[in-house]
Amino acid sequence: MLGSARRGLQSGALAKLGDEFVLVVGDHVTPLSHSDNKDLAAATAHLKPIERQYEPPAPPRAAAPPVIIIKRRRIPAPH
């Protein structure tokens, strides 16, 4: 994925598949025209490829269970 793109009323992600640029909207992939590919290739020629590894966020740590202290009641014994 390279960024976001609009084509007419469609807006989605701009991706590169092989040597061609495509517009990805949901699970639908639309190849862009030859002139669009040529313009995008010229615009991105000086960019270095970004190698990003997705790291899922760390799961939230569970809080320690509450500690309940129940004091004993002392009942005086009758005499």
PDB file of N, CA and C in Angstrom:
ATOM      1  N   MET A   1       0.838  -1.171   0.000  1.00  0.00           N
ATOM      2  CA  MET A   1       0.000   0.000   0.000  1.00  0.00           C
ATOM      3  C   MET A   1       0.889   1.242   0.000  1.00  0.00           C
ATOM      4  N   LEU A   2       0.561   2.143  -0.865  1.00  0.00           N
ATOM      5  CA  LEU A   2       1.373   3.350  -0.999  1.00  0.00           C
ATOM      6  C   LEU A   2       0.691   4.589  -0.439  1.00  0.00           C
ATOM      7  N   GLY A   3      -0.614   4.561  -0.313  1.00  0.00           N
ATOM      8  CA  GLY A   3      -1.341   5.728   0.172  1.00  0.00           C
ATOM      9  C   GLY A   3      -2.785   5.638  -0.256  1.00  0.00           C
ATOM     10  N   SER A   4      -3.448   6.769  -0.245  1.00  0.00           N
ATOM     11  CA  SER A   4      -4.849   6.793  -0.652  1.00  0.00           C
ATOM     12  C   SER A   4      -4.956   7.422  -2.036  1.00  0.00           C
ATOM     13  N   ALA A   5      -6.035   7.077  -2.734  1.00  0.00           N
ATOM     14  CA  ALA A   5      -6.225   7.581  -4.087  1.00  0.00           C
ATOM     15  C   ALA A   5      -7.712   7.725  -4.364  1.00  0.00           C
ATOM     16  N   ARG A   6      -8.018   8.605  -5.311  1.00  0.00           N
ATOM     17  CA  ARG A   6      -9.402   8.786  -5.758  1.00  0.00           C
ATOM     18  C   ARG A   6      -9.438   8.648  -7.266  1.00  0.00           C
ATOM     19  N   ARG A   7     -10.493   8.022  -7.728  1.00  0.00           N
ATOM     20  CA  ARG A   7     -10.714   7.890  -9.170  1.00  0.00           C
ATOM     21  C   ARG A   7     -12.204   8.044  -9.385  1.00  0.00           C
ATOM     22  N   GLY A   8     -12.602   9.193  -9.867  1.00  0.00           N
ATOM     23  CA  GLY A   8     -14.027   9.470 -10.002  1.00  0.00           C
ATOM     24  C   GLY A   8     -14.643   9.557  -8.616  1.00  0.00           C
ATOM     25  N   LEU A   9     -15.680   8.776  -8.369  1.00  0.00           N
ATOM     26  CA  LEU A   9     -16.322   8.760  -7.061  1.00  0.00           C
ATOM     27  C   LEU A   9     -15.734   7.711  -6.138  1.00  0.00           C
ATOM     28  N   GLN A  10     -14.851   6.867  -6.662  1.00  0.00           N
ATOM     29  CA  GLN A  10     -14.231   5.840  -5.832  1.00  0.00           C
ATOM     30  C   GLN A  10     -13.040   6.422  -5.087  1.00  0.00           C
ATOM     31  N   SER A  11     -12.927   6.092  -3.842  1.00  0.00           N
ATOM     32  CA  SER A  11     -11.718   6.443  -3.105  1.00  0.00           C
ATOM     33  C   SER A  11     -11.283   5.203  -2.340  1.00  0.00           C
ATOM     34  N   GLY A  12      -9.996   4.962  -2.361  1.00  0.00           N
ATOM     35  CA  GLY A  12      -9.473   3.761  -1.718  1.00  0.00           C
ATOM     36  C   GLY A  12      -7.979   3.854  -1.573  1.00  0.00           C
ATOM     37  N   ALA A  13      -7.340   2.715  -1.498  1.00  0.00           N
ATOM     38  CA  ALA A  13      -5.899   2.664  -1.286  1.00  0.00           C
ATOM     39  C   ALA A  13      -5.188   2.500  -2.625  1.00  0.00           C
ATOM     40  N   LEU A  14      -4.043   3.152  -2.730  1.00  0.00           N
ATOM     41  CA  LEU A  14      -3.200   3.007  -3.904  1.00  0.00           C
ATOM     42  C   LEU A  14      -2.171   1.933  -3.588  1.00  0.00           C
ATOM     43  N   ALA A  15      -2.099   0.918  -4.433  1.00  0.00           N
ATOM     44  CA  ALA A  15      -1.170  -0.187  -4.199  1.00  0.00           C
ATOM     45  C   ALA A  15      -0.419  -0.475  -5.490  1.00  0.00           C
ATOM     46  N   LYS A  16       0.690  -1.179  -5.328  1.00  0.00           N
ATOM     47  CA  LYS A  16       1.485  -1.549  -6.496  1.00  0.00           C
ATOM     48  C   LYS A  16       1.538  -3.063  -6.564  1.00  0.00           C
ATOM     49  N   LEU A  17       1.058  -3.614  -7.677  1.00  0.00           N
ATOM     50  CA  LEU A  17       1.103  -5.053  -7.916  1.00  0.00           C
ATOM     51  C   LEU A  17       2.053  -5.288  -9.086  1.00  0.00           C
ATOM     52  N   GLY A  18       3.202  -5.821  -8.781  1.00  0.00           N
ATOM     53  CA  GLY A  18       4.200  -6.015  -9.830  1.00  0.00           C
ATOM     54  C   GLY A  18       4.715  -4.669 -10.293  1.00  0.00           C
ATOM     55  N   ASP A  19       4.520  -4.364 -11.570  1.00  0.00           N
ATOM     56  CA  ASP A  19       4.956  -3.069 -12.117  1.00  0.00           C
ATOM     57  C   ASP A  19       3.797  -2.110 -12.325  1.00  0.00           C
ATOM     58  N   GLU A  20       2.582  -2.514 -11.961  1.00  0.00           N
ATOM     59  CA  GLU A  20       1.414  -1.675 -12.201  1.00  0.00           C
ATOM     60  C   GLU A  20       0.814  -1.186 -10.894  1.00  0.00           C
ATOM     61  N   PHE A  21       0.253   0.020 -10.951  1.00  0.00           N
ATOM     62  CA  PHE A  21      -0.448   0.585  -9.813  1.00  0.00           C
ATOM     63  C   PHE A  21      -1.927   0.244  -9.929  1.00  0.00           C
ATOM     64  N   VAL A  22      -2.554  -0.027  -8.795  1.00  0.00           N
ATOM     65  CA  VAL A  22      -3.970  -0.374  -8.766  1.00  0.00           C
ATOM     66  C   VAL A  22      -4.658   0.409  -7.667  1.00  0.00           C
ATOM     67  N   LEU A  23      -5.967   0.541  -7.799  1.00  0.00           N
ATOM     68  CA  LEU A  23      -6.801   1.167  -6.784  1.00  0.00           C
ATOM     69  C   LEU A  23      -7.551   0.056  -6.070  1.00  0.00           C
ATOM     70  N   VAL A  24      -7.406  -0.005  -4.745  1.00  0.00           N
ATOM     71  CA  VAL A  24      -8.038  -1.055  -3.954  1.00  0.00           C
ATOM     72  C   VAL A  24      -9.165  -0.423  -3.145  1.00  0.00           C
ATOM     73  N   VAL A  25     -10.391  -0.876  -3.401  1.00  0.00           N
ATOM     74  CA  VAL A  25     -11.554  -0.410  -2.661  1.00  0.00           C
ATOM     75  C   VAL A  25     -12.199  -1.645  -2.049  1.00  0.00           C
ATOM     76  N   GLY A  26     -12.025  -1.820  -0.750  1.00  0.00           N
ATOM     77  CA  GLY A  26     -12.539  -3.016  -0.087  1.00  0.00           C
ATOM     78  C   GLY A  26     -11.789  -4.224  -0.610  1.00  0.00           C
ATOM     79  N   ASP A  27     -12.515  -5.173  -1.200  1.00  0.00           N
ATOM     80  CA  ASP A  27     -11.851  -6.340  -1.778  1.00  0.00           C
ATOM     81  C   ASP A  27     -11.839  -6.275  -3.306  1.00  0.00           C
ATOM     82  N   HIS A  28     -12.153  -5.107  -3.856  1.00  0.00           N
ATOM     83  CA  HIS A  28     -12.176  -4.920  -5.304  1.00  0.00           C
ATOM     84  C   HIS A  28     -10.905  -4.199  -5.744  1.00  0.00           C
ATOM     85  N   VAL A  29     -10.173  -4.791  -6.683  1.00  0.00           N
ATOM     86  CA  VAL A  29      -8.926  -4.215  -7.196  1.00  0.00           C
ATOM     87  C   VAL A  29      -9.174  -3.731  -8.618  1.00  0.00           C
ATOM     88  N   THR A  30      -8.941  -2.429  -8.848  1.00  0.00           N
ATOM     89  CA  THR A  30      -9.140  -1.835 -10.165  1.00  0.00           C
ATOM     90  C   THR A  30      -7.794  -1.412 -10.733  1.00  0.00           C
ATOM     91  N   PRO A  31      -7.366  -1.995 -11.855  1.00  0.00           N
ATOM     92  CA  PRO A  31      -6.099  -1.545 -12.452  1.00  0.00           C
ATOM     93  C   PRO A  31      -6.261  -0.131 -13.000  1.00  0.00           C
ATOM     94  N   LEU A  32      -5.220   0.678 -12.849  1.00  0.00           N
ATOM     95  CA  LEU A  32      -5.260   2.041 -13.373  1.00  0.00           C
ATOM     96  C   LEU A  32      -4.800   2.039 -14.817  1.00  0.00           C
ATOM     97  N   SER A  33      -5.125   3.093 -15.538  1.00  0.00           N
ATOM     98  CA  SER A  33      -4.798   3.166 -16.963  1.00  0.00           C
ATOM     99  C   SER A  33      -3.290   3.283 -17.174  1.00  0.00           C
ATOM    100  N   HIS A  34      -2.878   3.069 -18.409  1.00  0.00           N
ATOM    101  CA  HIS A  34      -1.452   3.112 -18.753  1.00  0.00           C
ATOM    102  C   HIS A  34      -0.866   4.495 -18.462  1.00  0.00           C
ATOM    103  N   SER A  35      -1.618   5.552 -18.786  1.00  0.00           N
ATOM    104  CA  SER A  35      -1.099   6.907 -18.542  1.00  0.00           C
ATOM    105  C   SER A  35      -1.012   7.189 -17.038  1.00  0.00           C
ATOM    106  N   ASP A  36      -1.975   6.695 -16.268  1.00  0.00           N
ATOM    107  CA  ASP A  36      -1.895   6.860 -14.813  1.00  0.00           C
ATOM    108  C   ASP A  36      -0.691   6.120 -14.257  1.00  0.00           C
ATOM    109  N   ASN A  37      -0.443   4.902 -14.742  1.00  0.00           N
ATOM    110  CA  ASN A  37       0.709   4.133 -14.293  1.00  0.00           C
ATOM    111  C   ASN A  37       2.018   4.847 -14.633  1.00  0.00           C
ATOM    112  N   LYS A  38       2.070   5.452 -15.828  1.00  0.00           N
ATOM    113  CA  LYS A  38       3.275   6.154 -16.247  1.00  0.00           C
ATOM    114  C   LYS A  38       3.516   7.384 -15.363  1.00  0.00           C
ATOM    115  N   ASP A  39       2.447   8.131 -15.061  1.00  0.00           N
ATOM    116  CA  ASP A  39       2.574   9.312 -14.201  1.00  0.00           C
ATOM    117  C   ASP A  39       2.987   8.922 -12.784  1.00  0.00           C
ATOM    118  N   LEU A  40       2.375   7.877 -12.260  1.00  0.00           N
ATOM    119  CA  LEU A  40       2.704   7.444 -10.895  1.00  0.00           C
ATOM    120  C   LEU A  40       4.117   6.881 -10.810  1.00  0.00           C
ATOM    121  N   ALA A  41       4.547   6.163 -11.845  1.00  0.00           N
ATOM    122  CA  ALA A  41       5.904   5.619 -11.850  1.00  0.00           C
ATOM    123  C   ALA A  41       6.923   6.748 -11.876  1.00  0.00           C
ATOM    124  N   ALA A  42       6.648   7.809 -12.630  1.00  0.00           N
ATOM    125  CA  ALA A  42       7.563   8.952 -12.677  1.00  0.00           C
ATOM    126  C   ALA A  42       7.575   9.679 -11.333  1.00  0.00           C
ATOM    127  N   ALA A  43       6.420   9.781 -10.682  1.00  0.00           N
ATOM    128  CA  ALA A  43       6.336  10.488  -9.408  1.00  0.00           C
ATOM    129  C   ALA A  43       7.001   9.703  -8.277  1.00  0.00           C
ATOM    130  N   THR A  44       6.989   8.386  -8.360  1.00  0.00           N
ATOM    131  CA  THR A  44       7.548   7.574  -7.271  1.00  0.00           C
ATOM    132  C   THR A  44       8.923   7.007  -7.601  1.00  0.00           C
ATOM    133  N   ALA A  45       9.532   7.428  -8.703  1.00  0.00           N
ATOM    134  CA  ALA A  45      10.824   6.872  -9.110  1.00  0.00           C
ATOM    135  C   ALA A  45      11.925   7.197  -8.111  1.00  0.00           C
ATOM    136  N   HIS A  46      11.871   8.352  -7.482  1.00  0.00           N
ATOM    137  CA  HIS A  46      12.937   8.753  -6.564  1.00  0.00           C
ATOM    138  C   HIS A  46      12.725   8.230  -5.143  1.00  0.00           C
ATOM    139  N   LEU A  47      11.598   7.620  -4.868  1.00  0.00           N
ATOM    140  CA  LEU A  47      11.299   7.121  -3.524  1.00  0.00           C
ATOM    141  C   LEU A  47      11.941   5.764  -3.282  1.00  0.00           C
ATOM    142  N   LYS A  48      12.410   5.559  -2.065  1.00  0.00           N
ATOM    143  CA  LYS A  48      12.944   4.257  -1.685  1.00  0.00           C
ATOM    144  C   LYS A  48      11.786   3.390  -1.208  1.00  0.00           C
ATOM    145  N   PRO A  49      11.838   2.101  -1.461  1.00  0.00           N
ATOM    146  CA  PRO A  49      10.771   1.231  -0.954  1.00  0.00           C
ATOM    147  C   PRO A  49      10.836   1.175   0.572  1.00  0.00           C
ATOM    148  N   ILE A  50       9.673   1.177   1.181  1.00  0.00           N
ATOM    149  CA  ILE A  50       9.568   1.137   2.636  1.00  0.00           C
ATOM    150  C   ILE A  50       9.303  -0.292   3.055  1.00  0.00           C
ATOM    151  N   GLU A  51      10.150  -0.798   3.898  1.00  0.00           N
ATOM    152  CA  GLU A  51       9.963  -2.146   4.434  1.00  0.00           C
ATOM    153  C   GLU A  51       9.386  -2.007   5.840  1.00  0.00           C
ATOM    154  N   ARG A  52       8.127  -2.230   5.963  1.00  0.00           N
ATOM    155  CA  ARG A  52       7.489  -2.132   7.274  1.00  0.00           C
ATOM    156  C   ARG A  52       6.964  -3.502   7.668  1.00  0.00           C
ATOM    157  N   GLN A  53       7.218  -3.829   8.880  1.00  0.00           N
ATOM    158  CA  GLN A  53       6.683  -5.065   9.428  1.00  0.00           C
ATOM    159  C   GLN A  53       5.559  -4.680  10.372  1.00  0.00           C
ATOM    160  N   TYR A  54       4.418  -5.275  10.199  1.00  0.00           N
ATOM    161  CA  TYR A  54       3.293  -4.990  11.075  1.00  0.00           C
ATOM    162  C   TYR A  54       3.499  -5.697  12.396  1.00  0.00           C
ATOM    163  N   GLU A  55       3.456  -4.937  13.452  1.00  0.00           N
ATOM    164  CA  GLU A  55       3.545  -5.506  14.785  1.00  0.00           C
ATOM    165  C   GLU A  55       2.233  -5.240  15.490  1.00  0.00           C
ATOM    166  N   PRO A  56       1.511  -6.289  15.828  1.00  0.00           N
ATOM    167  CA  PRO A  56       0.239  -6.059  16.512  1.00  0.00           C
ATOM    168  C   PRO A  56       0.490  -5.430  17.877  1.00  0.00           C
ATOM    169  N   PRO A  57      -0.435  -4.595  18.323  1.00  0.00           N
ATOM    170  CA  PRO A  57      -0.238  -3.967  19.622  1.00  0.00           C
ATOM    171  C   PRO A  57      -0.222  -5.008  20.730  1.00  0.00           C
ATOM    172  N   ALA A  58       0.538  -4.707  21.760  1.00  0.00           N
ATOM    173  CA  ALA A  58       0.637  -5.631  22.886  1.00  0.00           C
ATOM    174  C   ALA A  58      -0.727  -5.723  23.579  1.00  0.00           C
ATOM    175  N   PRO A  59      -1.111  -6.923  23.985  1.00  0.00           N
ATOM    176  CA  PRO A  59      -2.405  -7.034  24.660  1.00  0.00           C
ATOM    177  C   PRO A  59      -2.355  -6.290  25.994  1.00  0.00           C
ATOM    178  N   PRO A  60      -3.456  -5.694  26.362  1.00  0.00           N
ATOM    179  CA  PRO A  60      -3.463  -4.952  27.623  1.00  0.00           C
ATOM    180  C   PRO A  60      -3.234  -5.893  28.795  1.00  0.00           C
ATOM    181  N   ARG A  61      -2.437  -5.434  29.729  1.00  0.00           N
ATOM    182  CA  ARG A  61      -2.173  -6.263  30.895  1.00  0.00           C
ATOM    183  C   ARG A  61      -3.400  -6.238  31.795  1.00  0.00           C
ATOM    184  N   ALA A  62      -3.745  -7.397  32.285  1.00  0.00           N
ATOM    185  CA  ALA A  62      -4.902  -7.498  33.175  1.00  0.00           C
ATOM    186  C   ALA A  62      -4.508  -6.957  34.544  1.00  0.00           C
ATOM    187  N   ALA A  63      -5.410  -6.241  35.148  1.00  0.00           N
ATOM    188  CA  ALA A  63      -5.151  -5.701  36.478  1.00  0.00           C
ATOM    189  C   ALA A  63      -5.166  -6.850  37.487  1.00  0.00           C
ATOM    190  N   ALA A  64      -4.428  -6.664  38.556  1.00  0.00           N
ATOM    191  CA  ALA A  64      -4.397  -7.678  39.605  1.00  0.00           C
ATOM    192  C   ALA A  64      -5.788  -7.785  40.231  1.00  0.00           C
ATOM    193  N   PRO A  65      -6.191  -8.985  40.600  1.00  0.00           N
ATOM    194  CA  PRO A  65      -7.514  -9.117  41.202  1.00  0.00           C
ATOM    195  C   PRO A  65      -7.560  -8.364  42.542  1.00  0.00           C
ATOM    196  N   PRO A  66      -8.700  -7.826  42.886  1.00  0.00           N
ATOM    197  CA  PRO A  66      -8.797  -7.076  44.136  1.00  0.00           C
ATOM    198  C   PRO A  66      -8.621  -8.010  45.335  1.00  0.00           C
ATOM    199  N   VAL A  67      -7.994  -7.496  46.381  1.00  0.00           N
ATOM    200  CA  VAL A  67      -7.785  -8.250  47.615  1.00  0.00           C
ATOM    201  C   VAL A  67      -8.783  -7.736  48.635  1.00  0.00           C
ATOM    202  N   ILE A  68      -9.579  -8.634  49.176  1.00  0.00           N
ATOM    203  CA  ILE A  68     -10.588  -8.261  50.161  1.00  0.00           C
ATOM    204  C   ILE A  68     -10.163  -8.812  51.515  1.00  0.00           C
ATOM    205  N   ILE A  69     -10.063  -7.938  52.482  1.00  0.00           N
ATOM    206  CA  ILE A  69      -9.687  -8.343  53.835  1.00  0.00           C
ATOM    207  C   ILE A  69     -10.919  -8.197  54.716  1.00  0.00           C
ATOM    208  N   ILE A  70     -11.334  -9.307  55.283  1.00  0.00           N
ATOM    209  CA  ILE A  70     -12.491  -9.295  56.182  1.00  0.00           C
ATOM    210  C   ILE A  70     -11.967  -9.468  57.600  1.00  0.00           C
ATOM    211  N   LYS A  71     -12.222  -8.456  58.451  1.00  0.00           N
ATOM    212  CA  LYS A  71     -11.761  -8.535  59.825  1.00  0.00           C
ATOM    213  C   LYS A  71     -12.735  -9.373  60.637  1.00  0.00           C
ATOM    214  N   ARG A  72     -12.194 -10.139  61.566  1.00  0.00           N
ATOM    215  CA  ARG A  72     -13.045 -10.926  62.446  1.00  0.00           C
ATOM    216  C   ARG A  72     -13.671 -10.030  63.501  1.00  0.00           C
ATOM    217  N   ARG A  73     -14.880 -10.343  63.828  1.00  0.00           N
ATOM    218  CA  ARG A  73     -15.514  -9.632  64.927  1.00  0.00           C
ATOM    219  C   ARG A  73     -15.381 -10.500  66.171  1.00  0.00           C
ATOM    220  N   ARG A  74     -14.977  -9.882  67.200  1.00  0.00           N
ATOM    221  CA  ARG A  74     -14.872 -10.618  68.465  1.00  0.00           C
ATOM    222  C   ARG A  74     -16.109 -10.334  69.281  1.00  0.00           C
ATOM    223  N   ILE A  75     -16.761 -11.378  69.605  1.00  0.00           N
ATOM    224  CA  ILE A  75     -17.959 -11.277  70.441  1.00  0.00           C
ATOM    225  C   ILE A  75     -17.551 -11.731  71.844  1.00  0.00           C
ATOM    226  N   PRO A  76     -17.712 -10.841  72.814  1.00  0.00           N
ATOM    227  CA  PRO A  76     -17.314 -11.253  74.161  1.00  0.00           C
ATOM    228  C   PRO A  76     -18.217 -12.411  74.651  1.00  0.00           C
ATOM    229  N   ALA A  77     -17.582 -13.368  75.266  1.00  0.00           N
ATOM    230  CA  ALA A  77     -18.319 -14.517  75.802  1.00  0.00           C
ATOM    231  C   ALA A  77     -19.073 -14.076  77.071  1.00  0.00           C
ATOM    232  N   PRO A  78     -20.341 -14.484  77.219  1.00  0.00           N
ATOM    233  CA  PRO A  78     -21.082 -14.112  78.440  1.00  0.00           C
ATOM    234  C   PRO A  78     -20.525 -14.859  79.650  1.00  0.00           C
ATOM    235  N   HIS A  79     -20.500 -14.253  80.826  1.00  0.00           N
ATOM    236  CA  HIS A  79     -19.977 -14.856  82.055  1.00  0.00           C
ATOM    237  C   HIS A  79     -21.057 -15.411  82.893  1.00  0.00           C
TER     238      HIS A  79
END
